[in-house]
Amino acid sequence: MPLPSCRWWLLVTCLMASPSHAELFYAPPAPDENAPNFSGSAELGYTKLTGNTNTQTLLAKGRLTWLTGRYTHTFRAETRSVQDNDNTTSERYLVGARERYELADDNYLFGFARWERDRFSGYDSQFTTIAGYGRQILVGPTHTLSAEVGPGYRHDAYAEGGSDDLALAYSALDYTYNFSDDIAFDQELSAEATHISVTTRSLSTITSQLNSHLALRVSYDVKSNTHPPPDAEARTDTTTSVSILYSW
């Protein structure tokens, strides 16, 4: 089936209709004092090669953020697909929601839920819930750094059948370096450890603001699982992408 199919277009449409600052999901910094009560972003990257190689790649992400008092509410959705000569070699969906409650002296409480499906990971799907404590270590304006830790629960449904319900320990940090008002580097790291495996995620991005709404983003995304299911294609997945980011 050619890409994008109907389900891809439906998800991309939802993403393009959702507003927010495209900040990171794990240990994100606190919203600015002058941040709007409701904001959003959509990020889209697409490449197609024809000739000796017929390859199509789609990356789409979207986010909604709204503020109510001390609370920051975030909704996130993303999809990624790669086809090589009409054979799908990567297909991933992710939906997540996050709550943050500001405490005194740069401390905060958080909780989030995440559902994801990665066709070649050995899992049919995974559902994760985590809650805990975080702290804003550096506040800027040039450097920002935040970290968070907490316990969680994950339900793993395996592609070959069966499932596991697992307790986990979570930690994450997010670092931002602002080269100027228009260019910033972000590094996000997180780890989720169960008695079966440790899943680590790393997202490195450089974002260049083109105008008040549009930005160009280069990102390198790594996800690794120390002990994936036996039918998984690999322990580590990496994605390098260049995309357009629209925020409002």
Protein backbone atom coordinates (compact mmCIF):
# COMPACT_ATOMS: atom_id res chain seq x y z
CA MET A 1 0.00 0.00 0.00
CA PRO A 2 1.49 3.40 -0.97
CA LEU A 3 2.41 5.89 1.73
CA PRO A 4 0.65 7.86 3.03
CA SER A 5 -2.47 5.71 3.44
CA CYS A 6 -5.74 6.97 4.94
CA ARG A 7 -4.63 6.41 8.54
CA TRP A 8 -1.44 8.41 7.93
CA TRP A 9 -3.43 11.30 6.53
CA LEU A 10 -5.84 11.20 9.48
CA LEU A 11 -3.03 11.36 12.02
CA VAL A 12 -1.13 14.05 10.12
CA THR A 13 -4.31 16.11 9.90
CA CYS A 14 -4.77 15.86 13.68
CA LEU A 15 -1.16 16.89 14.21
CA MET A 16 -1.34 19.86 11.89
CA ALA A 17 -4.48 21.05 13.69
CA SER A 18 -2.95 20.88 17.16
CA PRO A 19 -1.26 23.89 18.74
CA SER A 20 1.75 24.16 21.22
CA HIS A 21 5.39 25.04 21.76
CA ALA A 22 7.31 22.02 20.49
CA GLU A 23 9.17 21.52 23.73
CA LEU A 24 10.37 18.12 24.84
CA PHE A 25 8.16 15.66 26.67
CA TYR A 26 10.55 14.26 29.30
CA ALA A 27 11.68 16.73 32.00
CA PRO A 28 10.61 19.81 29.99
CA PRO A 29 11.42 23.27 31.37
CA ALA A 30 8.76 25.38 33.05
CA PRO A 31 6.68 27.62 30.76
CA ASP A 32 7.80 31.23 30.40
CA GLU A 33 6.12 33.84 32.55
CA ASN A 34 4.59 35.44 29.44
CA ALA A 35 3.60 32.11 27.84
CA PRO A 36 0.06 32.07 26.36
CA ASN A 37 -2.59 30.04 28.17
CA PHE A 38 -3.11 27.92 25.05
CA SER A 39 -0.46 27.14 22.43
CA GLY A 40 0.58 24.47 20.01
CA SER A 41 2.93 23.19 17.34
CA ALA A 42 3.06 20.84 14.37
CA GLU A 43 6.21 19.35 12.88
CA LEU A 44 6.34 17.62 9.50
CA GLY A 45 9.14 16.00 7.50
CA TYR A 46 8.75 14.00 4.26
CA THR A 47 11.23 12.65 1.73
CA LYS A 48 10.79 10.57 -1.43
CA LEU A 49 13.53 9.04 -3.59
CA THR A 50 12.77 7.49 -6.98
CA GLY A 51 14.89 5.87 -9.66
CA ASN A 52 17.35 3.16 -8.65
CA THR A 53 15.88 3.39 -5.12
CA ASN A 54 12.21 3.95 -4.29
CA THR A 55 12.10 5.18 -0.70
CA GLN A 56 9.52 7.25 1.19
CA THR A 57 9.88 8.62 4.72
CA LEU A 58 7.23 10.42 6.78
CA LEU A 59 7.74 12.04 10.18
CA ALA A 60 4.89 13.98 11.82
CA LYS A 61 4.59 15.33 15.36
CA GLY A 62 2.09 17.55 17.11
CA ARG A 63 1.50 19.02 20.54
CA LEU A 64 -1.06 20.96 22.55
CA THR A 65 -0.18 22.85 25.73
CA TRP A 66 -2.52 24.79 28.00
CA LEU A 67 -1.97 26.46 31.37
CA THR A 68 -4.36 26.67 34.31
CA GLY A 69 -2.86 28.25 37.42
CA ARG A 70 0.05 26.16 38.63
CA TYR A 71 -0.76 23.34 36.17
CA THR A 72 0.73 22.74 32.73
CA HIS A 73 -1.24 20.26 30.59
CA THR A 74 0.37 18.72 27.51
CA PHE A 75 -0.93 16.40 24.81
CA ARG A 76 1.48 14.85 22.31
CA ALA A 77 1.11 12.67 19.20
CA GLU A 78 3.59 11.49 16.60
CA THR A 79 4.06 9.00 13.80
CA ARG A 80 6.96 7.77 11.70
CA SER A 81 7.03 5.52 8.64
CA VAL A 82 9.68 4.40 6.17
CA GLN A 83 9.05 2.43 2.98
CA ASP A 84 11.75 0.96 0.76
CA ASN A 85 10.59 -0.39 -2.63
CA ASP A 86 7.01 -0.66 -1.30
CA ASN A 87 8.18 -2.65 1.76
CA THR A 88 7.57 -0.98 5.14
CA THR A 89 10.80 -0.99 7.15
CA SER A 90 9.69 1.28 10.01
CA GLU A 91 6.27 2.14 11.41
CA ARG A 92 5.66 3.80 14.75
CA TYR A 93 2.77 5.59 16.49
CA LEU A 94 2.86 7.38 19.85
CA VAL A 95 0.26 9.27 21.90
CA GLY A 96 0.97 10.83 25.30
CA ALA A 97 -0.49 13.19 27.89
CA ARG A 98 1.41 14.96 30.67
CA GLU A 99 0.57 17.00 33.79
CA ARG A 100 2.94 19.31 35.67
CA TYR A 101 2.22 21.11 38.96
CA GLU A 102 4.55 23.92 40.01
CA LEU A 103 5.83 23.94 43.59
CA ALA A 104 7.98 26.60 45.26
CA ASP A 105 11.68 27.21 44.52
CA ASP A 106 11.80 25.64 41.02
CA ASN A 107 10.41 22.29 42.18
CA TYR A 108 7.46 20.51 40.54
CA LEU A 109 5.37 17.36 40.52
CA PHE A 110 4.53 15.54 37.31
CA GLY A 111 2.64 12.61 35.87
CA PHE A 112 2.23 11.27 32.35
CA ALA A 113 0.68 8.43 30.37
CA ARG A 114 1.99 7.17 27.02
CA TRP A 115 0.77 4.63 24.46
CA GLU A 116 3.06 3.53 21.67
CA ARG A 117 3.20 0.95 18.91
CA ASP A 118 6.36 0.11 17.00
CA ARG A 119 5.73 -2.52 14.36
CA PHE A 120 9.27 -3.96 14.34
CA SER A 121 10.05 -3.73 18.07
CA GLY A 122 8.63 -7.14 19.03
CA TYR A 123 5.75 -5.47 20.91
CA ASP A 124 2.19 -5.18 19.69
CA SER A 125 1.86 -2.10 21.94
CA GLN A 126 3.10 -0.62 25.21
CA PHE A 127 1.19 1.52 27.72
CA THR A 128 3.13 3.41 30.40
CA THR A 129 2.13 5.61 33.34
CA ILE A 130 4.68 7.47 35.48
CA ALA A 131 4.49 10.04 38.30
CA GLY A 132 7.14 11.73 40.38
CA TYR A 133 9.18 14.79 41.35
CA GLY A 134 11.20 17.21 39.21
CA ARG A 135 13.43 20.24 39.66
CA GLN A 136 14.45 23.13 37.44
CA ILE A 137 18.23 23.23 38.02
CA LEU A 138 19.20 26.00 35.57
CA VAL A 139 16.72 28.70 34.64
CA GLY A 140 18.50 30.54 31.78
CA PRO A 141 18.46 32.69 29.78
CA THR A 142 21.39 30.97 28.02
CA HIS A 143 21.23 27.57 29.77
CA THR A 144 18.21 25.68 31.10
CA LEU A 145 18.39 22.29 32.78
CA SER A 146 15.67 20.25 34.44
CA ALA A 147 15.58 16.71 35.84
CA GLU A 148 12.90 14.38 37.17
CA VAL A 149 12.54 10.93 38.75
CA GLY A 150 9.67 8.70 39.74
CA PRO A 151 8.11 5.22 39.81
CA GLY A 152 5.81 3.89 37.12
CA TYR A 153 3.91 1.02 35.56
CA ARG A 154 4.07 -0.44 32.05
CA HIS A 155 1.88 -2.94 30.23
CA ASP A 156 3.74 -4.76 27.44
CA ALA A 157 1.66 -6.62 24.84
CA TYR A 158 3.88 -8.81 22.68
CA ALA A 159 3.54 -9.22 18.92
CA GLU A 160 3.75 -13.02 19.25
CA GLY A 161 1.06 -13.05 21.97
CA GLY A 162 1.05 -12.71 25.75
CA SER A 163 1.75 -9.69 27.93
CA ASP A 164 3.55 -8.45 31.03
CA ASP A 165 2.62 -5.91 33.72
CA LEU A 166 5.80 -4.32 35.02
CA ALA A 167 6.85 -1.88 37.74
CA LEU A 168 9.54 0.53 36.60
CA ALA A 169 11.91 3.26 37.78
CA TYR A 170 12.16 6.39 35.65
CA SER A 171 14.61 9.27 35.37
CA ALA A 172 15.05 12.02 32.78
CA LEU A 173 16.75 15.33 32.11
CA ASP A 174 16.43 18.08 29.54
CA TYR A 175 19.15 20.60 28.69
CA THR A 176 18.79 23.64 26.42
CA TYR A 177 21.50 25.96 25.17
CA ASN A 178 20.33 29.14 23.43
CA PHE A 179 22.97 30.25 20.94
CA SER A 180 20.87 33.34 20.19
CA ASP A 181 17.25 34.46 20.21
CA ASP A 182 16.68 32.41 17.04
CA ILE A 183 18.86 29.27 17.40
CA ALA A 184 18.73 26.71 20.23
CA PHE A 185 20.14 23.25 20.98
CA ASP A 186 18.09 20.77 23.02
CA GLN A 187 19.22 17.47 24.56
CA GLU A 188 16.69 15.16 26.16
CA LEU A 189 17.63 11.91 27.93
CA SER A 190 15.39 9.42 29.73
CA ALA A 191 15.63 5.89 31.15
CA GLU A 192 12.93 3.43 32.23
CA ALA A 193 14.16 0.34 34.08
CA THR A 194 12.17 -2.83 34.82
CA HIS A 195 13.38 -6.22 36.06
CA ILE A 196 13.34 -7.39 32.42
CA SER A 197 15.03 -4.55 30.53
CA VAL A 198 16.12 -0.92 30.48
CA THR A 199 14.73 1.40 27.81
CA THR A 200 16.68 4.58 27.11
CA ARG A 201 15.74 7.48 24.86
CA SER A 202 17.84 10.35 23.56
CA LEU A 203 16.61 13.24 21.43
CA SER A 204 19.06 15.89 20.20
CA THR A 205 17.71 18.86 18.23
CA ILE A 206 18.92 22.12 16.75
CA THR A 207 16.10 24.55 15.99
CA SER A 208 16.45 27.72 13.93
CA GLN A 209 13.57 30.17 14.08
CA LEU A 210 12.71 31.49 10.60
CA ASN A 211 9.97 33.88 11.73
CA SER A 212 7.45 34.20 14.56
CA HIS A 213 5.68 30.96 13.56
CA LEU A 214 8.02 28.87 11.37
CA ALA A 215 11.26 27.11 12.33
CA LEU A 216 13.66 24.61 10.77
CA ARG A 217 14.62 21.65 12.95
CA VAL A 218 17.36 19.03 12.66
CA SER A 219 16.99 16.12 15.07
CA TYR A 220 18.68 12.85 16.01
CA ASP A 221 16.47 10.39 17.91
CA VAL A 222 17.77 7.20 19.58
CA LYS A 223 15.71 4.56 21.38
CA SER A 224 17.40 1.48 22.86
CA ASN A 225 16.11 -1.60 24.69
CA THR A 226 18.66 -3.80 26.49
CA HIS A 227 16.50 -6.95 26.24
CA PRO A 228 13.83 -6.66 23.52
CA PRO A 229 11.48 -9.54 22.63
CA PRO A 230 13.14 -12.31 20.55
CA ASP A 231 11.40 -11.26 17.32
CA ALA A 232 12.54 -7.62 17.51
CA GLU A 233 14.49 -6.39 14.48
CA ALA A 234 17.17 -4.66 16.61
CA ARG A 235 17.95 -3.37 20.10
CA THR A 236 18.48 0.22 18.99
CA ASP A 237 16.54 2.45 16.59
CA THR A 238 17.90 5.77 15.34
CA THR A 239 16.20 8.50 13.32
CA THR A 240 17.90 11.51 11.76
CA SER A 241 15.46 14.06 10.35
CA VAL A 242 15.10 17.58 9.00
CA SER A 243 11.63 19.04 9.40
CA ILE A 244 9.57 22.22 9.35
CA LEU A 245 8.05 23.30 12.65
CA TYR A 246 4.96 25.52 12.84
CA SER A 247 3.96 26.94 16.23
CA TRP A 248 1.34 29.37 17.45
